[in-house]
C-alpha atoms as a PDB file:
ATOM      1  CA  UNK A   1     -65.393  -0.567 -46.659  1.00  0.00           C
ATOM      2  CA  UNK A   2     -67.029   0.895 -43.550  1.00  0.00           C
ATOM      3  CA  UNK A   3     -69.897  -1.400 -42.551  1.00  0.00           C
ATOM      4  CA  UNK A   4     -71.364   1.305 -40.304  1.00  0.00           C
ATOM      5  CA  UNK A   5     -72.463   3.155 -43.500  1.00  0.00           C
ATOM      6  CA  UNK A   6     -75.088   0.580 -44.166  1.00  0.00           C
ATOM      7  CA  UNK A   7     -76.149   0.570 -40.525  1.00  0.00           C
ATOM      8  CA  UNK A   8     -76.793   4.233 -40.821  1.00  0.00           C
ATOM      9  CA  UNK A   9     -78.919   3.711 -43.937  1.00  0.00           C
ATOM     10  CA  UNK A  10     -80.882   0.940 -42.310  1.00  0.00           C
ATOM     11  CA  UNK A  11     -81.425   2.891 -39.098  1.00  0.00           C
ATOM     12  CA  UNK A  12     -83.700   5.263 -41.036  1.00  0.00           C
ATOM     13  CA  UNK A  13     -85.855   2.410 -42.449  1.00  0.00           C
ATOM     14  CA  UNK A  14     -89.232   1.017 -41.570  1.00  0.00           C
ATOM     15  CA  UNK A  15     -89.136  -0.268 -37.972  1.00  0.00           C
ATOM     16  CA  UNK A  16     -87.287   2.652 -36.409  1.00  0.00           C
ATOM     17  CA  UNK A  17     -87.795   5.550 -38.827  1.00  0.00           C
ATOM     18  CA  UNK A  18     -88.436   8.979 -37.364  1.00  0.00           C
ATOM     19  CA  UNK A  19     -90.766  11.084 -39.628  1.00  0.00           C
ATOM     20  CA  UNK A  20     -88.939  13.961 -41.347  1.00  0.00           C
ATOM     21  CA  UNK A  21     -90.628  16.954 -42.874  1.00  0.00           C
ATOM     22  CA  UNK A  22     -90.319  17.143 -46.695  1.00  0.00           C
ATOM     23  CA  UNK A  23     -90.780  19.923 -49.130  1.00  0.00           C
ATOM     24  CA  UNK A  24     -94.406  20.770 -50.040  1.00  0.00           C
ATOM     25  CA  UNK A  25     -93.537  20.973 -53.732  1.00  0.00           C
ATOM     26  CA  UNK A  26     -94.589  17.522 -55.041  1.00  0.00           C
ATOM     27  CA  UNK A  27     -92.534  17.662 -58.245  1.00  0.00           C
ATOM     28  CA  UNK A  28     -89.032  18.298 -56.767  1.00  0.00           C
ATOM     29  CA  UNK A  29     -86.462  15.737 -57.850  1.00  0.00           C
ATOM     30  CA  UNK A  30     -83.155  17.243 -56.637  1.00  0.00           C
ATOM     31  CA  UNK A  31     -82.327  20.783 -55.546  1.00  0.00           C
ATOM     32  CA  UNK A  32     -84.140  23.093 -57.959  1.00  0.00           C
ATOM     33  CA  UNK A  33     -84.710  20.414 -60.640  1.00  0.00           C
ATOM     34  CA  UNK A  34     -88.389  19.380 -60.882  1.00  0.00           C
ATOM     35  CA  UNK A  35     -90.226  16.603 -62.628  1.00  0.00           C
ATOM     36  CA  UNK A  36     -91.895  17.865 -65.781  1.00  0.00           C
ATOM     37  CA  UNK A  37     -89.612  20.889 -66.297  1.00  0.00           C
ATOM     38  CA  UNK A  38     -89.122  21.682 -69.971  1.00  0.00           C
ATOM     39  CA  UNK A  39     -85.698  21.226 -71.510  1.00  0.00           C
ATOM     40  CA  UNK A  40     -85.563  24.926 -72.476  1.00  0.00           C
ATOM     41  CA  UNK A  41     -85.229  25.776 -68.754  1.00  0.00           C
ATOM     42  CA  UNK A  42     -81.710  24.302 -68.737  1.00  0.00           C
ATOM     43  CA  UNK A  43     -79.810  26.568 -71.190  1.00  0.00           C
ATOM     44  CA  UNK A  44     -76.230  26.273 -72.367  1.00  0.00           C
ATOM     45  CA  UNK A  45     -75.536  29.647 -70.874  1.00  0.00           C
ATOM     46  CA  UNK A  46     -75.943  28.033 -67.450  1.00  0.00           C
ATOM     47  CA  UNK A  47     -73.562  25.198 -68.222  1.00  0.00           C
ATOM     48  CA  UNK A  48     -75.892  22.552 -69.507  1.00  0.00           C
ATOM     49  CA  UNK A  49     -75.053  20.560 -72.638  1.00  0.00           C
ATOM     50  CA  UNK A  50     -76.434  17.673 -74.714  1.00  0.00           C
ATOM     51  CA  UNK A  51     -74.951  14.373 -73.520  1.00  0.00           C
ATOM     52  CA  UNK A  52     -77.507  12.048 -75.186  1.00  0.00           C
ATOM     53  CA  UNK A  53     -74.871  10.199 -77.205  1.00  0.00           C
ATOM     54  CA  UNK A  54     -72.785   9.641 -74.026  1.00  0.00           C
ATOM     55  CA  UNK A  55     -75.584   8.321 -71.818  1.00  0.00           C
ATOM     56  CA  UNK A  56     -77.649   6.529 -74.519  1.00  0.00           C
ATOM     57  CA  UNK A  57     -80.797   8.339 -73.670  1.00  0.00           C
ATOM     58  CA  UNK A  58     -82.219  11.824 -74.204  1.00  0.00           C
ATOM     59  CA  UNK A  59     -80.225  13.872 -71.669  1.00  0.00           C
ATOM     60  CA  UNK A  60     -78.487  17.046 -70.671  1.00  0.00           C
ATOM     61  CA  UNK A  61     -75.482  17.173 -68.456  1.00  0.00           C
ATOM     62  CA  UNK A  62     -73.787  19.825 -66.204  1.00  0.00           C
ATOM     63  CA  UNK A  63     -70.203  19.198 -65.088  1.00  0.00           C
ATOM     64  CA  UNK A  64     -70.193  21.257 -61.889  1.00  0.00           C
ATOM     65  CA  UNK A  65     -73.189  20.667 -59.623  1.00  0.00           C
ATOM     66  CA  UNK A  66     -72.361  21.474 -56.011  1.00  0.00           C
ATOM     67  CA  UNK A  67     -73.741  18.904 -53.519  1.00  0.00           C
ATOM     68  CA  UNK A  68     -72.433  18.060 -50.055  1.00  0.00           C
ATOM     69  CA  UNK A  69     -69.809  20.723 -50.674  1.00  0.00           C
ATOM     70  CA  UNK A  70     -68.395  18.560 -53.555  1.00  0.00           C
ATOM     71  CA  UNK A  71     -68.584  18.858 -57.282  1.00  0.00           C
ATOM     72  CA  UNK A  72     -70.724  16.269 -59.124  1.00  0.00           C
ATOM     73  CA  UNK A  73     -71.728  15.809 -62.722  1.00  0.00           C
ATOM     74  CA  UNK A  74     -75.473  16.376 -63.074  1.00  0.00           C
ATOM     75  CA  UNK A  75     -77.376  14.253 -65.527  1.00  0.00           C
ATOM     76  CA  UNK A  76     -80.924  15.170 -66.490  1.00  0.00           C
ATOM     77  CA  UNK A  77     -82.992  12.605 -68.408  1.00  0.00           C
ATOM     78  CA  UNK A  78     -85.992  13.793 -70.468  1.00  0.00           C
ATOM     79  CA  UNK A  79     -89.148  12.311 -71.860  1.00  0.00           C
ATOM     80  CA  UNK A  80     -89.848  12.463 -75.565  1.00  0.00           C
ATOM     81  CA  UNK A  81     -91.917  15.616 -75.059  1.00  0.00           C
ATOM     82  CA  UNK A  82     -88.938  17.506 -73.708  1.00  0.00           C
ATOM     83  CA  UNK A  83     -89.931  17.312 -70.059  1.00  0.00           C
ATOM     84  CA  UNK A  84     -87.648  16.231 -67.213  1.00  0.00           C
ATOM     85  CA  UNK A  85     -88.188  12.602 -66.064  1.00  0.00           C
ATOM     86  CA  UNK A  86     -85.382  11.951 -63.529  1.00  0.00           C
ATOM     87  CA  UNK A  87     -81.980  13.243 -62.508  1.00  0.00           C
ATOM     88  CA  UNK A  88     -78.661  11.827 -61.381  1.00  0.00           C
ATOM     89  CA  UNK A  89     -75.540  13.164 -59.735  1.00  0.00           C
ATOM     90  CA  UNK A  90     -72.347  11.303 -60.450  1.00  0.00           C
ATOM     91  CA  UNK A  91     -68.760  11.555 -59.076  1.00  0.00           C
ATOM     92  CA  UNK A  92     -65.618   9.510 -58.677  1.00  0.00           C
ATOM     93  CA  UNK A  93     -66.021   7.038 -55.872  1.00  0.00           C
ATOM     94  CA  UNK A  94     -64.271   7.401 -52.488  1.00  0.00           C
ATOM     95  CA  UNK A  95     -65.113   5.905 -49.107  1.00  0.00           C
ATOM     96  CA  UNK A  96     -65.473   9.385 -47.688  1.00  0.00           C
ATOM     97  CA  UNK A  97     -67.803  10.640 -50.346  1.00  0.00           C
ATOM     98  CA  UNK A  98     -69.918   7.464 -50.093  1.00  0.00           C
ATOM     99  CA  UNK A  99     -70.243   7.871 -46.351  1.00  0.00           C
ATOM    100  CA  UNK A 100     -71.168  11.573 -46.718  1.00  0.00           C
ATOM    101  CA  UNK A 101     -73.774  10.862 -49.404  1.00  0.00           C
ATOM    102  CA  UNK A 102     -75.477   8.102 -47.358  1.00  0.00           C
ATOM    103  CA  UNK A 103     -75.299  10.170 -44.204  1.00  0.00           C
ATOM    104  CA  UNK A 104     -77.093  13.051 -45.956  1.00  0.00           C
ATOM    105  CA  UNK A 105     -79.759  10.894 -47.590  1.00  0.00           C
ATOM    106  CA  UNK A 106     -80.770   8.946 -44.522  1.00  0.00           C
ATOM    107  CA  UNK A 107     -81.942  12.118 -42.789  1.00  0.00           C
ATOM    108  CA  UNK A 108     -84.942  11.993 -45.146  1.00  0.00           C
ATOM    109  CA  UNK A 109     -84.882   8.592 -46.862  1.00  0.00           C
ATOM    110  CA  UNK A 110     -85.117   4.958 -45.703  1.00  0.00           C
ATOM    111  CA  UNK A 111     -83.747   1.786 -47.278  1.00  0.00           C
ATOM    112  CA  UNK A 112     -86.232  -0.465 -49.123  1.00  0.00           C
ATOM    113  CA  UNK A 113     -83.999  -2.569 -51.472  1.00  0.00           C
ATOM    114  CA  UNK A 114     -80.369  -3.408 -52.041  1.00  0.00           C
ATOM    115  CA  UNK A 115     -78.743  -5.444 -54.848  1.00  0.00           C
ATOM    116  CA  UNK A 116     -75.350  -6.554 -56.097  1.00  0.00           C
ATOM    117  CA  UNK A 117     -73.589  -9.006 -58.407  1.00  0.00           C
ATOM    118  CA  UNK A 118     -74.333 -11.965 -56.113  1.00  0.00           C
ATOM    119  CA  UNK A 119     -77.829 -11.280 -54.719  1.00  0.00           C
ATOM    120  CA  UNK A 120     -80.532  -8.910 -53.451  1.00  0.00           C
ATOM    121  CA  UNK A 121     -81.873  -7.744 -50.043  1.00  0.00           C
ATOM    122  CA  UNK A 122     -85.501  -6.845 -50.168  1.00  0.00           C
ATOM    123  CA  UNK A 123     -86.480  -4.870 -47.010  1.00  0.00           C
ATOM    124  CA  UNK A 124     -90.117  -4.841 -47.955  1.00  0.00           C
ATOM    125  CA  UNK A 125     -90.351  -8.613 -48.274  1.00  0.00           C
ATOM    126  CA  UNK A 126     -88.486  -9.119 -44.990  1.00  0.00           C
ATOM    127  CA  UNK A 127     -90.779  -6.652 -43.225  1.00  0.00           C
ATOM    128  CA  UNK A 128     -93.888  -8.343 -44.609  1.00  0.00           C
ATOM    129  CA  UNK A 129     -92.670 -11.829 -43.715  1.00  0.00           C
ATOM    130  CA  UNK A 130     -91.346 -10.966 -40.278  1.00  0.00           C
ATOM    131  CA  UNK A 131     -87.965 -12.383 -41.089  1.00  0.00           C
ATOM    132  CA  UNK A 132     -86.118 -10.602 -38.313  1.00  0.00           C
ATOM    133  CA  UNK A 133     -87.181 -10.515 -34.704  1.00  0.00           C
ATOM    134  CA  UNK A 134     -84.548  -8.054 -33.579  1.00  0.00           C
ATOM    135  CA  UNK A 135     -82.826  -4.984 -35.050  1.00  0.00           C
ATOM    136  CA  UNK A 136     -79.331  -6.280 -34.384  1.00  0.00           C
ATOM    137  CA  UNK A 137     -79.727  -9.314 -36.592  1.00  0.00           C
ATOM    138  CA  UNK A 138     -81.211  -7.185 -39.408  1.00  0.00           C
ATOM    139  CA  UNK A 139     -78.364  -4.626 -39.234  1.00  0.00           C
ATOM    140  CA  UNK A 140     -75.754  -7.415 -39.139  1.00  0.00           C
ATOM    141  CA  UNK A 141     -77.134  -9.180 -42.180  1.00  0.00           C
ATOM    142  CA  UNK A 142     -77.462  -6.055 -44.345  1.00  0.00           C
ATOM    143  CA  UNK A 143     -74.016  -4.861 -43.361  1.00  0.00           C
ATOM    144  CA  UNK A 144     -72.600  -8.221 -44.451  1.00  0.00           C
ATOM    145  CA  UNK A 145     -74.604  -8.048 -47.654  1.00  0.00           C
ATOM    146  CA  UNK A 146     -73.208  -4.634 -48.470  1.00  0.00           C
ATOM    147  CA  UNK A 147     -69.641  -5.718 -47.852  1.00  0.00           C
ATOM    148  CA  UNK A 148     -70.062  -8.752 -50.121  1.00  0.00           C
ATOM    149  CA  UNK A 149     -71.562  -6.786 -52.973  1.00  0.00           C
ATOM    150  CA  UNK A 150     -68.965  -3.976 -52.756  1.00  0.00           C
ATOM    151  CA  UNK A 151     -66.213  -6.560 -52.891  1.00  0.00           C
ATOM    152  CA  UNK A 152     -67.835  -7.955 -56.050  1.00  0.00           C
ATOM    153  CA  UNK A 153     -67.694  -4.525 -57.754  1.00  0.00           C
ATOM    154  CA  UNK A 154     -71.274  -3.408 -57.769  1.00  0.00           C
ATOM    155  CA  UNK A 155     -73.764  -2.301 -55.100  1.00  0.00           C
ATOM    156  CA  UNK A 156     -77.103  -0.564 -55.508  1.00  0.00           C
ATOM    157  CA  UNK A 157     -79.604   0.613 -52.888  1.00  0.00           C
ATOM    158  CA  UNK A 158     -83.064   2.061 -53.320  1.00  0.00           C
ATOM    159  CA  UNK A 159     -84.392   4.456 -50.696  1.00  0.00           C
ATOM    160  CA  UNK A 160     -87.751   6.364 -50.373  1.00  0.00           C
ATOM    161  CA  UNK A 161     -88.851   9.247 -48.283  1.00  0.00           C
ATOM    162  CA  UNK A 162     -89.383   8.192 -44.693  1.00  0.00           C
ATOM    163  CA  UNK A 163     -92.930   9.361 -44.371  1.00  0.00           C
ATOM    164  CA  UNK A 164     -94.030   6.589 -46.788  1.00  0.00           C
ATOM    165  CA  UNK A 165     -92.287   3.663 -45.068  1.00  0.00           C
ATOM    166  CA  UNK A 166     -95.079   2.879 -42.621  1.00  0.00           C
ATOM    167  CA  UNK A 167     -97.059   1.258 -45.416  1.00  0.00           C
ATOM    168  CA  UNK A 168     -94.216  -1.027 -46.293  1.00  0.00           C
ATOM    169  CA  UNK A 169     -95.812  -4.138 -44.730  1.00  0.00           C
ATOM    170  CA  UNK A 170     -98.843  -3.741 -46.985  1.00  0.00           C
ATOM    171  CA  UNK A 171     -96.773  -4.877 -50.011  1.00  0.00           C
ATOM    172  CA  UNK A 172     -95.181  -8.190 -50.784  1.00  0.00           C
ATOM    173  CA  UNK A 173     -91.853  -6.825 -52.159  1.00  0.00           C
ATOM    174  CA  UNK A 174     -89.989  -3.651 -53.032  1.00  0.00           C
ATOM    175  CA  UNK A 175     -91.144  -3.551 -56.624  1.00  0.00           C
ATOM    176  CA  UNK A 176     -94.794  -3.707 -55.667  1.00  0.00           C
ATOM    177  CA  UNK A 177     -94.128  -1.085 -52.984  1.00  0.00           C
ATOM    178  CA  UNK A 178     -92.449   1.425 -55.438  1.00  0.00           C
ATOM    179  CA  UNK A 179     -95.308   0.914 -58.030  1.00  0.00           C
ATOM    180  CA  UNK A 180     -97.848   1.651 -55.314  1.00  0.00           C
ATOM    181  CA  UNK A 181     -96.299   4.865 -54.210  1.00  0.00           C
ATOM    182  CA  UNK A 182     -98.242   8.164 -54.486  1.00  0.00           C
ATOM    183  CA  UNK A 183     -97.250  10.644 -57.206  1.00  0.00           C
ATOM    184  CA  UNK A 184     -95.526  13.018 -54.857  1.00  0.00           C
ATOM    185  CA  UNK A 185     -93.302  10.383 -53.183  1.00  0.00           C
ATOM    186  CA  UNK A 186     -89.564  10.733 -53.950  1.00  0.00           C
ATOM    187  CA  UNK A 187     -87.096   7.856 -54.278  1.00  0.00           C
ATOM    188  CA  UNK A 188     -83.410   7.741 -54.835  1.00  0.00           C
ATOM    189  CA  UNK A 189     -81.173   4.902 -56.230  1.00  0.00           C
ATOM    190  CA  UNK A 190     -77.603   4.969 -55.013  1.00  0.00           C
ATOM    191  CA  UNK A 191     -75.012   3.030 -57.069  1.00  0.00           C
ATOM    192  CA  UNK A 192     -71.360   2.119 -56.604  1.00  0.00           C
ATOM    193  CA  UNK A 193     -69.875   0.503 -59.732  1.00  0.00           C
ATOM    194  CA  UNK A 194     -66.817   0.332 -61.979  1.00  0.00           C
ATOM    195  CA  UNK A 195     -67.216   2.494 -65.016  1.00  0.00           C
ATOM    196  CA  UNK A 196     -65.222   1.242 -68.041  1.00  0.00           C
ATOM    197  CA  UNK A 197     -63.902   4.860 -68.704  1.00  0.00           C
ATOM    198  CA  UNK A 198     -64.091   6.713 -65.331  1.00  0.00           C
ATOM    199  CA  UNK A 199     -63.213   3.824 -62.993  1.00  0.00           C
ATOM    200  CA  UNK A 200     -64.871   3.495 -59.550  1.00  0.00           C
ATOM    201  CA  UNK A 201     -68.055   5.583 -59.636  1.00  0.00           C
ATOM    202  CA  UNK A 202     -70.714   6.813 -57.213  1.00  0.00           C
ATOM    203  CA  UNK A 203     -74.096   7.993 -58.347  1.00  0.00           C
ATOM    204  CA  UNK A 204     -77.492   8.912 -56.947  1.00  0.00           C
ATOM    205  CA  UNK A 205     -80.587   9.045 -59.108  1.00  0.00           C
ATOM    206  CA  UNK A 206     -83.697  10.920 -57.930  1.00  0.00           C
ATOM    207  CA  UNK A 207     -87.104  10.061 -59.367  1.00  0.00           C
ATOM    208  CA  UNK A 208     -90.850  10.062 -58.590  1.00  0.00           C
ATOM    209  CA  UNK A 209     -92.069   6.457 -59.186  1.00  0.00           C
ATOM    210  CA  UNK A 210     -95.740   7.458 -59.024  1.00  0.00           C
ATOM    211  CA  UNK A 211     -95.428  10.291 -61.457  1.00  0.00           C
ATOM    212  CA  UNK A 212     -93.616   8.101 -63.957  1.00  0.00           C
ATOM    213  CA  UNK A 213     -96.222   5.266 -63.692  1.00  0.00           C
ATOM    214  CA  UNK A 214     -99.041   7.735 -64.147  1.00  0.00           C
ATOM    215  CA  UNK A 215     -97.340   9.055 -67.278  1.00  0.00           C
ATOM    216  CA  UNK A 216     -97.036   5.577 -68.720  1.00  0.00           C
ATOM    217  CA  UNK A 217    -100.732   4.873 -68.015  1.00  0.00           C
ATOM    218  CA  UNK A 218    -101.722   8.166 -69.690  1.00  0.00           C
ATOM    219  CA  UNK A 219     -99.584   7.333 -72.743  1.00  0.00           C
ATOM    220  CA  UNK A 220    -101.167   3.829 -72.941  1.00  0.00           C
ATOM    221  CA  UNK A 221    -104.709   5.368 -72.688  1.00  0.00           C
ATOM    222  CA  UNK A 222    -103.858   7.809 -75.557  1.00  0.00           C
ATOM    223  CA  UNK A 223    -102.629   5.092 -77.896  1.00  0.00           C
ATOM    224  CA  UNK A 224    -104.710   4.887 -81.064  1.00  0.00           C
ATOM    225  CA  UNK A 225    -106.921   1.862 -81.529  1.00  0.00           C
ATOM    226  CA  UNK A 226    -105.653  -0.319 -84.350  1.00  0.00           C
ATOM    227  CA  UNK A 227    -106.674  -3.587 -85.888  1.00  0.00           C
ATOM    228  CA  UNK A 228    -103.875  -6.146 -86.087  1.00  0.00           C
END
């Protein structure tokens, strides 16, 4: 596995990120898919179909979504009120596609968290604690972490839009950072894993952490008062 891929992802992160302009639309998840869109806006006539039983959650799929000049399966997950919650694009894994995906994402996103079968790497905690005094040591450690996790068969990385990374040191860890993000902040989870049916798989899931948290708070506030 090419260790420079992780270096590229990290180079867009907190200490050396260059601000990138993002879309003004604060509900965009991926391409023209937006948080809160109604399921009726994704008709069968345009290639969408019900894949709830396959994914184990309320979902539509599309088997030919063009991204990075490649064909991905698009997966759209919905809330119980038929509105779009988050989206994923999925394809067979290859080193070249992985490199292309990461290279495209780091133009707008920076790494905040990575995980695998044998451990985690929390960029937010390291930034808060001042773990690394120089960029070279940080890049070396995260590249080694990536290699180890990929060898173990599973690697995941969470990235957020670069304009929000400056506040990373205000939080104790990545979980707290993601929960504290504003409603228009976009995040993406990249996964490399072995699927039981499809084999080596690469996916990227786009979501709005703040929007989702606000929805949960609203639902909790609307719950009826009951005596137990």
